[in-house]
Amino acid sequence: MENEIKTTESEAETKVQIAFSFSNLGIWRKIYLALNWIGCVFMVIIFVSMPFTDYPESTPAQPMVVFVIAILVFAYTFWLHKAMVTRNLTQLLILTIIQVVPLFNPISALIMFLVRNTSKKEREANGMS
């Protein structure tokens, strides 16, 4: 009987960590991300098409400024998506502050704050801090 495998209760009670991904986000966060991506695509299309329209006040520097704004909008949306999917609390806090200070968007900041709290609870339930 020397070959018996003894298991303790602590081994049987090991927690299984959930891999965070878009598929286990929850419906409201998925809707929020989808609306952000739709808005991003809409704004990028408008910004990219602006230099090709016939505006009398257009200047040679305008196309470059418009393309830079379009790139910034896309980069911000990608950053938001990445932070929400990975549940990175620091990045979500920074995005919340960005919504308040330079963008003056308190409603979106409130949504981001609620997303951060939900992500924090998920991380704590998963054994991460």
C-alpha atoms as a PDB file:
ATOM      1  CA  MET A   1       0.000   0.000   0.000  1.00  0.00           C
ATOM      2  CA  GLU A   2       3.000   2.273  -0.330  1.00  0.00           C
ATOM      3  CA  ASN A   3       1.965   3.342  -3.818  1.00  0.00           C
ATOM      4  CA  GLU A   4      -1.276   5.029  -2.771  1.00  0.00           C
ATOM      5  CA  ILE A   5      -1.701   8.575  -3.990  1.00  0.00           C
ATOM      6  CA  LYS A   6      -2.790  10.868  -1.239  1.00  0.00           C
ATOM      7  CA  THR A   7      -4.596  14.036  -2.149  1.00  0.00           C
ATOM      8  CA  THR A   8      -5.267  16.757   0.264  1.00  0.00           C
ATOM      9  CA  GLU A   9      -8.256  19.065   0.202  1.00  0.00           C
ATOM     10  CA  SER A  10      -6.076  22.017  -0.697  1.00  0.00           C
ATOM     11  CA  GLU A  11      -5.084  20.340  -3.969  1.00  0.00           C
ATOM     12  CA  ALA A  12      -8.694  19.583  -4.792  1.00  0.00           C
ATOM     13  CA  GLU A  13      -9.747  23.164  -4.130  1.00  0.00           C
ATOM     14  CA  THR A  14      -7.370  24.830  -6.578  1.00  0.00           C
ATOM     15  CA  LYS A  15      -8.923  27.716  -8.412  1.00  0.00           C
ATOM     16  CA  VAL A  16      -9.170  27.668 -12.151  1.00  0.00           C
ATOM     17  CA  GLN A  17      -8.236  31.020 -13.609  1.00  0.00           C
ATOM     18  CA  ILE A  18     -10.395  32.279 -16.426  1.00  0.00           C
ATOM     19  CA  ALA A  19      -8.618  33.697 -19.440  1.00  0.00           C
ATOM     20  CA  PHE A  20     -10.048  37.137 -20.093  1.00  0.00           C
ATOM     21  CA  SER A  21     -11.252  37.651 -23.649  1.00  0.00           C
ATOM     22  CA  PHE A  22     -13.920  39.479 -25.624  1.00  0.00           C
ATOM     23  CA  SER A  23     -16.232  36.469 -25.507  1.00  0.00           C
ATOM     24  CA  ASN A  24     -16.607  36.584 -21.706  1.00  0.00           C
ATOM     25  CA  LEU A  25     -17.001  40.372 -21.392  1.00  0.00           C
ATOM     26  CA  GLY A  26     -20.737  40.645 -20.844  1.00  0.00           C
ATOM     27  CA  ILE A  27     -23.396  42.091 -23.113  1.00  0.00           C
ATOM     28  CA  TRP A  28     -23.236  45.740 -21.976  1.00  0.00           C
ATOM     29  CA  ARG A  29     -19.488  46.037 -22.350  1.00  0.00           C
ATOM     30  CA  LYS A  30     -19.698  44.345 -25.757  1.00  0.00           C
ATOM     31  CA  ILE A  31     -22.368  46.847 -26.826  1.00  0.00           C
ATOM     32  CA  TYR A  32     -20.245  49.732 -25.525  1.00  0.00           C
ATOM     33  CA  LEU A  33     -17.205  48.505 -27.466  1.00  0.00           C
ATOM     34  CA  ALA A  34     -19.274  47.934 -30.613  1.00  0.00           C
ATOM     35  CA  LEU A  35     -20.672  51.482 -30.417  1.00  0.00           C
ATOM     36  CA  ASN A  36     -17.154  52.851 -29.951  1.00  0.00           C
ATOM     37  CA  TRP A  37     -15.900  50.955 -33.011  1.00  0.00           C
ATOM     38  CA  ILE A  38     -18.880  52.074 -35.112  1.00  0.00           C
ATOM     39  CA  GLY A  39     -18.273  55.676 -34.057  1.00  0.00           C
ATOM     40  CA  CYS A  40     -14.572  55.306 -34.788  1.00  0.00           C
ATOM     41  CA  VAL A  41     -15.174  53.961 -38.302  1.00  0.00           C
ATOM     42  CA  PHE A  42     -17.739  56.700 -38.982  1.00  0.00           C
ATOM     43  CA  MET A  43     -15.386  59.470 -37.819  1.00  0.00           C
ATOM     44  CA  VAL A  44     -12.381  58.034 -39.683  1.00  0.00           C
ATOM     45  CA  ILE A  45     -14.411  57.871 -42.912  1.00  0.00           C
ATOM     46  CA  ILE A  46     -15.482  61.495 -42.472  1.00  0.00           C
ATOM     47  CA  PHE A  47     -11.979  62.684 -41.567  1.00  0.00           C
ATOM     48  CA  VAL A  48     -10.329  60.840 -44.447  1.00  0.00           C
ATOM     49  CA  SER A  49     -12.874  62.070 -46.989  1.00  0.00           C
ATOM     50  CA  MET A  50     -12.678  65.729 -45.867  1.00  0.00           C
ATOM     51  CA  PRO A  51      -9.464  66.662 -47.743  1.00  0.00           C
ATOM     52  CA  PHE A  52     -10.937  65.342 -50.994  1.00  0.00           C
ATOM     53  CA  THR A  53     -13.989  67.584 -50.865  1.00  0.00           C
ATOM     54  CA  ASP A  54     -14.053  71.055 -52.399  1.00  0.00           C
ATOM     55  CA  TYR A  55     -13.934  73.409 -49.453  1.00  0.00           C
ATOM     56  CA  PRO A  56     -12.825  76.938 -50.349  1.00  0.00           C
ATOM     57  CA  GLU A  57     -11.085  77.399 -46.990  1.00  0.00           C
ATOM     58  CA  SER A  58      -8.945  74.264 -47.281  1.00  0.00           C
ATOM     59  CA  THR A  59      -5.231  74.736 -46.828  1.00  0.00           C
ATOM     60  CA  PRO A  60      -2.318  72.490 -47.794  1.00  0.00           C
ATOM     61  CA  ALA A  61      -1.763  71.555 -44.116  1.00  0.00           C
ATOM     62  CA  GLN A  62      -5.375  70.509 -43.584  1.00  0.00           C
ATOM     63  CA  PRO A  63      -5.124  66.961 -45.062  1.00  0.00           C
ATOM     64  CA  MET A  64      -2.241  66.073 -42.769  1.00  0.00           C
ATOM     65  CA  VAL A  65      -4.037  67.391 -39.672  1.00  0.00           C
ATOM     66  CA  VAL A  66      -7.173  65.460 -40.612  1.00  0.00           C
ATOM     67  CA  PHE A  67      -5.213  62.233 -41.131  1.00  0.00           C
ATOM     68  CA  VAL A  68      -3.480  62.673 -37.756  1.00  0.00           C
ATOM     69  CA  ILE A  69      -6.865  63.152 -36.050  1.00  0.00           C
ATOM     70  CA  ALA A  70      -8.192  60.020 -37.779  1.00  0.00           C
ATOM     71  CA  ILE A  71      -5.179  58.020 -36.584  1.00  0.00           C
ATOM     72  CA  LEU A  72      -5.631  59.323 -33.021  1.00  0.00           C
ATOM     73  CA  VAL A  73      -9.321  58.348 -33.011  1.00  0.00           C
ATOM     74  CA  PHE A  74      -8.462  54.838 -34.217  1.00  0.00           C
ATOM     75  CA  ALA A  75      -5.600  54.501 -31.696  1.00  0.00           C
ATOM     76  CA  TYR A  76      -7.835  55.632 -28.817  1.00  0.00           C
ATOM     77  CA  THR A  77     -10.560  53.139 -29.766  1.00  0.00           C
ATOM     78  CA  PHE A  78      -8.020  50.319 -30.056  1.00  0.00           C
ATOM     79  CA  TRP A  79      -6.559  51.248 -26.645  1.00  0.00           C
ATOM     80  CA  LEU A  80     -10.039  51.247 -25.115  1.00  0.00           C
ATOM     81  CA  HIS A  81     -10.786  47.833 -26.643  1.00  0.00           C
ATOM     82  CA  LYS A  82      -7.504  46.343 -25.439  1.00  0.00           C
ATOM     83  CA  ALA A  83      -7.929  47.722 -21.894  1.00  0.00           C
ATOM     84  CA  MET A  84     -11.501  46.452 -21.582  1.00  0.00           C
ATOM     85  CA  VAL A  85     -10.798  42.982 -22.953  1.00  0.00           C
ATOM     86  CA  THR A  86      -7.725  42.409 -20.774  1.00  0.00           C
ATOM     87  CA  ARG A  87      -9.403  44.099 -17.768  1.00  0.00           C
ATOM     88  CA  ASN A  88      -6.324  46.246 -17.143  1.00  0.00           C
ATOM     89  CA  LEU A  89      -7.367  48.453 -14.225  1.00  0.00           C
ATOM     90  CA  THR A  90      -4.608  51.033 -14.633  1.00  0.00           C
ATOM     91  CA  GLN A  91      -5.381  51.607 -18.299  1.00  0.00           C
ATOM     92  CA  LEU A  92      -9.111  51.817 -17.571  1.00  0.00           C
ATOM     93  CA  LEU A  93      -8.423  54.458 -14.913  1.00  0.00           C
ATOM     94  CA  ILE A  94      -6.269  56.464 -17.337  1.00  0.00           C
ATOM     95  CA  LEU A  95      -8.985  56.227 -20.002  1.00  0.00           C
ATOM     96  CA  THR A  96     -11.546  57.444 -17.451  1.00  0.00           C
ATOM     97  CA  ILE A  97      -9.382  60.464 -16.651  1.00  0.00           C
ATOM     98  CA  ILE A  98      -8.904  61.163 -20.373  1.00  0.00           C
ATOM     99  CA  GLN A  99     -12.683  61.187 -20.786  1.00  0.00           C
ATOM    100  CA  VAL A 100     -12.987  63.895 -18.110  1.00  0.00           C
ATOM    101  CA  VAL A 101     -10.017  66.209 -18.582  1.00  0.00           C
ATOM    102  CA  PRO A 102      -9.299  66.736 -22.283  1.00  0.00           C
ATOM    103  CA  LEU A 103     -12.532  65.358 -23.765  1.00  0.00           C
ATOM    104  CA  PHE A 104     -15.032  66.859 -21.259  1.00  0.00           C
ATOM    105  CA  ASN A 105     -17.257  63.798 -21.528  1.00  0.00           C
ATOM    106  CA  PRO A 106     -18.612  62.992 -18.041  1.00  0.00           C
ATOM    107  CA  ILE A 107     -21.172  60.421 -19.203  1.00  0.00           C
ATOM    108  CA  SER A 108     -18.554  58.310 -20.950  1.00  0.00           C
ATOM    109  CA  ALA A 109     -16.261  58.767 -17.935  1.00  0.00           C
ATOM    110  CA  LEU A 110     -19.014  57.395 -15.700  1.00  0.00           C
ATOM    111  CA  ILE A 111     -19.427  54.403 -18.014  1.00  0.00           C
ATOM    112  CA  MET A 112     -15.661  53.811 -17.957  1.00  0.00           C
ATOM    113  CA  PHE A 113     -15.645  54.052 -14.157  1.00  0.00           C
ATOM    114  CA  LEU A 114     -18.410  51.406 -13.951  1.00  0.00           C
ATOM    115  CA  VAL A 115     -16.525  49.197 -16.423  1.00  0.00           C
ATOM    116  CA  ARG A 116     -13.409  49.525 -14.260  1.00  0.00           C
ATOM    117  CA  ASN A 117     -15.349  48.529 -11.127  1.00  0.00           C
ATOM    118  CA  THR A 118     -16.850  45.515 -12.883  1.00  0.00           C
ATOM    119  CA  SER A 119     -13.430  44.484 -14.183  1.00  0.00           C
ATOM    120  CA  LYS A 120     -11.966  44.870 -10.692  1.00  0.00           C
ATOM    121  CA  LYS A 121     -14.634  42.552  -9.252  1.00  0.00           C
ATOM    122  CA  GLU A 122     -13.960  40.009 -12.015  1.00  0.00           C
ATOM    123  CA  ARG A 123     -10.234  40.092 -11.338  1.00  0.00           C
ATOM    124  CA  GLU A 124     -10.778  39.650  -7.582  1.00  0.00           C
ATOM    125  CA  ALA A 125     -13.163  36.742  -8.175  1.00  0.00           C
ATOM    126  CA  ASN A 126     -10.543  35.183 -10.416  1.00  0.00           C
ATOM    127  CA  GLY A 127      -7.828  35.438  -7.786  1.00  0.00           C
ATOM    128  CA  MET A 128      -6.030  38.363  -9.407  1.00  0.00           C
ATOM    129  CA  SER A 129      -5.630  41.768  -7.834  1.00  0.00           C
END
